[in-house]
Amino acid sequence: MVEQSLRLDFIFGSLADPTRRDILRRIAKEEMSITEIAKPYKMTFAAISKHLKILEKAKLIAKKRQGKQQVVHLTPATINDAAEYLKEYEKIWNQRLDLLEKYLSTFPT
């Protein structure tokens, strides 16, 4: 349980940054080299590398070597873990909203 909690902390902590979310959005479409990832951002290559390390530590991305370049790709299993966690809260809130709707329906309109 503690290990899962730490994993979720890493996942959601890494998703807190808009640059990292944008990187994920872009590499979800296709694998990209680190150079390709860095191109649209007005920050140093070292800053992009730091963002990638945080995403990699959270296991949201993985790198593989292709020739002289490292290619970055999304790891869907980790995204699924986060989605499953959020689904539990969705169930809770849906139940609460259903109860509220039922309660409100007892009042005349």
C-alpha atoms as a PDB file:
ATOM      1  CA  MET A   1       0.000   0.000   0.000  1.00  0.00           C
ATOM      2  CA  VAL A   2       2.799   2.430   0.888  1.00  0.00           C
ATOM      3  CA  GLU A   3       4.673   1.529  -2.305  1.00  0.00           C
ATOM      4  CA  GLN A   4       1.571   2.199  -4.408  1.00  0.00           C
ATOM      5  CA  SER A   5       1.056   5.499  -2.602  1.00  0.00           C
ATOM      6  CA  LEU A   6       4.639   6.557  -3.382  1.00  0.00           C
ATOM      7  CA  ARG A   7       4.181   5.593  -7.041  1.00  0.00           C
ATOM      8  CA  LEU A   8       1.055   7.722  -7.238  1.00  0.00           C
ATOM      9  CA  ASP A   9       2.894  10.601  -5.546  1.00  0.00           C
ATOM     10  CA  PHE A  10       5.573  10.434  -8.256  1.00  0.00           C
ATOM     11  CA  ILE A  11       2.968  10.186 -11.023  1.00  0.00           C
ATOM     12  CA  PHE A  12       0.770  13.057  -9.896  1.00  0.00           C
ATOM     13  CA  GLY A  13       3.744  15.152  -8.797  1.00  0.00           C
ATOM     14  CA  SER A  14       5.256  14.873 -12.252  1.00  0.00           C
ATOM     15  CA  LEU A  15       1.913  15.715 -13.862  1.00  0.00           C
ATOM     16  CA  ALA A  16       1.676  18.918 -11.805  1.00  0.00           C
ATOM     17  CA  ASP A  17       3.975  20.731 -14.237  1.00  0.00           C
ATOM     18  CA  PRO A  18       2.472  22.035 -17.517  1.00  0.00           C
ATOM     19  CA  THR A  19       5.679  21.450 -19.487  1.00  0.00           C
ATOM     20  CA  ARG A  20       5.764  17.793 -18.457  1.00  0.00           C
ATOM     21  CA  ARG A  21       2.087  17.378 -19.317  1.00  0.00           C
ATOM     22  CA  ASP A  22       2.783  18.900 -22.734  1.00  0.00           C
ATOM     23  CA  ILE A  23       5.740  16.573 -23.283  1.00  0.00           C
ATOM     24  CA  LEU A  24       3.509  13.600 -22.463  1.00  0.00           C
ATOM     25  CA  ARG A  25       0.823  14.850 -24.825  1.00  0.00           C
ATOM     26  CA  ARG A  26       3.350  15.124 -27.639  1.00  0.00           C
ATOM     27  CA  ILE A  27       5.032  11.762 -27.151  1.00  0.00           C
ATOM     28  CA  ALA A  28       1.664  10.040 -26.754  1.00  0.00           C
ATOM     29  CA  LYS A  29       1.243  10.676 -30.480  1.00  0.00           C
ATOM     30  CA  GLU A  30       4.670   9.355 -31.491  1.00  0.00           C
ATOM     31  CA  GLU A  31       8.052   8.424 -30.107  1.00  0.00           C
ATOM     32  CA  MET A  32      10.465  11.325 -30.218  1.00  0.00           C
ATOM     33  CA  SER A  33      14.151  11.935 -29.694  1.00  0.00           C
ATOM     34  CA  ILE A  34      15.156  14.197 -26.845  1.00  0.00           C
ATOM     35  CA  THR A  35      16.247  16.819 -29.396  1.00  0.00           C
ATOM     36  CA  GLU A  36      12.795  16.704 -31.047  1.00  0.00           C
ATOM     37  CA  ILE A  37      11.120  17.034 -27.661  1.00  0.00           C
ATOM     38  CA  ALA A  38      13.256  20.056 -26.741  1.00  0.00           C
ATOM     39  CA  LYS A  39      12.692  22.030 -29.988  1.00  0.00           C
ATOM     40  CA  PRO A  40       9.466  23.924 -29.196  1.00  0.00           C
ATOM     41  CA  TYR A  41      10.428  24.956 -25.671  1.00  0.00           C
ATOM     42  CA  LYS A  42      12.239  28.160 -24.796  1.00  0.00           C
ATOM     43  CA  MET A  43      14.412  26.515 -22.178  1.00  0.00           C
ATOM     44  CA  THR A  44      17.790  24.886 -22.062  1.00  0.00           C
ATOM     45  CA  PHE A  45      18.400  21.323 -23.116  1.00  0.00           C
ATOM     46  CA  ALA A  46      19.410  20.634 -19.499  1.00  0.00           C
ATOM     47  CA  ALA A  47      16.003  21.868 -18.286  1.00  0.00           C
ATOM     48  CA  ILE A  48      14.212  19.572 -20.733  1.00  0.00           C
ATOM     49  CA  SER A  49      16.453  16.730 -19.639  1.00  0.00           C
ATOM     50  CA  LYS A  50      15.470  17.391 -16.023  1.00  0.00           C
ATOM     51  CA  HIS A  51      11.771  17.264 -16.934  1.00  0.00           C
ATOM     52  CA  LEU A  52      12.355  13.967 -18.731  1.00  0.00           C
ATOM     53  CA  LYS A  53      14.171  12.522 -15.719  1.00  0.00           C
ATOM     54  CA  ILE A  54      11.201  13.373 -13.506  1.00  0.00           C
ATOM     55  CA  LEU A  55       8.801  11.720 -15.962  1.00  0.00           C
ATOM     56  CA  GLU A  56      11.088   8.703 -16.191  1.00  0.00           C
ATOM     57  CA  LYS A  57      11.331   8.410 -12.396  1.00  0.00           C
ATOM     58  CA  ALA A  58       7.524   8.393 -12.277  1.00  0.00           C
ATOM     59  CA  LYS A  59       7.644   5.679 -14.978  1.00  0.00           C
ATOM     60  CA  LEU A  60       5.435   7.737 -17.271  1.00  0.00           C
ATOM     61  CA  ILE A  61       8.043   7.533 -20.022  1.00  0.00           C
ATOM     62  CA  ALA A  62      10.880   5.253 -20.995  1.00  0.00           C
ATOM     63  CA  LYS A  63      13.941   5.868 -23.122  1.00  0.00           C
ATOM     64  CA  LYS A  64      15.594   3.551 -25.603  1.00  0.00           C
ATOM     65  CA  ARG A  65      18.673   4.014 -27.696  1.00  0.00           C
ATOM     66  CA  GLN A  66      18.316   4.136 -31.478  1.00  0.00           C
ATOM     67  CA  GLY A  67      21.718   4.642 -32.984  1.00  0.00           C
ATOM     68  CA  LYS A  68      23.212   7.798 -31.492  1.00  0.00           C
ATOM     69  CA  GLN A  69      19.910   9.133 -30.197  1.00  0.00           C
ATOM     70  CA  GLN A  70      17.745   8.318 -27.220  1.00  0.00           C
ATOM     71  CA  VAL A  71      14.101   7.966 -28.159  1.00  0.00           C
ATOM     72  CA  VAL A  72      11.402   8.628 -25.602  1.00  0.00           C
ATOM     73  CA  HIS A  73       8.075   6.820 -25.518  1.00  0.00           C
ATOM     74  CA  LEU A  74       5.037   6.784 -23.267  1.00  0.00           C
ATOM     75  CA  THR A  75       4.487   3.911 -20.816  1.00  0.00           C
ATOM     76  CA  PRO A  76       0.730   3.326 -20.887  1.00  0.00           C
ATOM     77  CA  ALA A  77       0.690   0.982 -17.872  1.00  0.00           C
ATOM     78  CA  THR A  78       1.600   3.839 -15.530  1.00  0.00           C
ATOM     79  CA  ILE A  79      -1.030   6.107 -17.078  1.00  0.00           C
ATOM     80  CA  ASN A  80      -3.542   3.292 -16.526  1.00  0.00           C
ATOM     81  CA  ASP A  81      -2.543   3.072 -12.840  1.00  0.00           C
ATOM     82  CA  ALA A  82      -3.299   6.766 -12.389  1.00  0.00           C
ATOM     83  CA  ALA A  83      -6.582   6.444 -14.300  1.00  0.00           C
ATOM     84  CA  GLU A  84      -7.666   3.511 -12.115  1.00  0.00           C
ATOM     85  CA  TYR A  85      -6.924   5.520  -8.993  1.00  0.00           C
ATOM     86  CA  LEU A  86      -9.027   8.422 -10.277  1.00  0.00           C
ATOM     87  CA  LYS A  87     -11.879   6.079 -11.246  1.00  0.00           C
ATOM     88  CA  GLU A  88     -12.309   5.190  -7.577  1.00  0.00           C
ATOM     89  CA  TYR A  89     -12.900   8.859  -6.782  1.00  0.00           C
ATOM     90  CA  GLU A  90     -15.229   9.157  -9.742  1.00  0.00           C
ATOM     91  CA  LYS A  91     -17.357   6.335  -8.286  1.00  0.00           C
ATOM     92  CA  ILE A  92     -17.461   8.032  -4.881  1.00  0.00           C
ATOM     93  CA  TRP A  93     -18.503  11.389  -6.328  1.00  0.00           C
ATOM     94  CA  ASN A  94     -21.100   9.817  -8.606  1.00  0.00           C
ATOM     95  CA  GLN A  95     -22.625   8.066  -5.587  1.00  0.00           C
ATOM     96  CA  ARG A  96     -22.681  11.316  -3.638  1.00  0.00           C
ATOM     97  CA  LEU A  97     -24.236  13.226  -6.521  1.00  0.00           C
ATOM     98  CA  ASP A  98     -26.854  10.497  -6.965  1.00  0.00           C
ATOM     99  CA  LEU A  99     -27.740  10.798  -3.272  1.00  0.00           C
ATOM    100  CA  LEU A 100     -27.943  14.574  -3.556  1.00  0.00           C
ATOM    101  CA  GLU A 101     -30.178  14.296  -6.607  1.00  0.00           C
ATOM    102  CA  LYS A 102     -32.420  11.837  -4.770  1.00  0.00           C
ATOM    103  CA  TYR A 103     -32.603  14.162  -1.755  1.00  0.00           C
ATOM    104  CA  LEU A 104     -33.387  17.214  -3.893  1.00  0.00           C
ATOM    105  CA  SER A 105     -36.130  15.346  -5.724  1.00  0.00           C
ATOM    106  CA  THR A 106     -38.063  15.119  -2.431  1.00  0.00           C
ATOM    107  CA  PHE A 107     -38.668  18.887  -2.531  1.00  0.00           C
ATOM    108  CA  PRO A 108     -41.567  20.256  -4.562  1.00  0.00           C
ATOM    109  CA  THR A 109     -40.607  22.214  -7.647  1.00  0.00           C
END
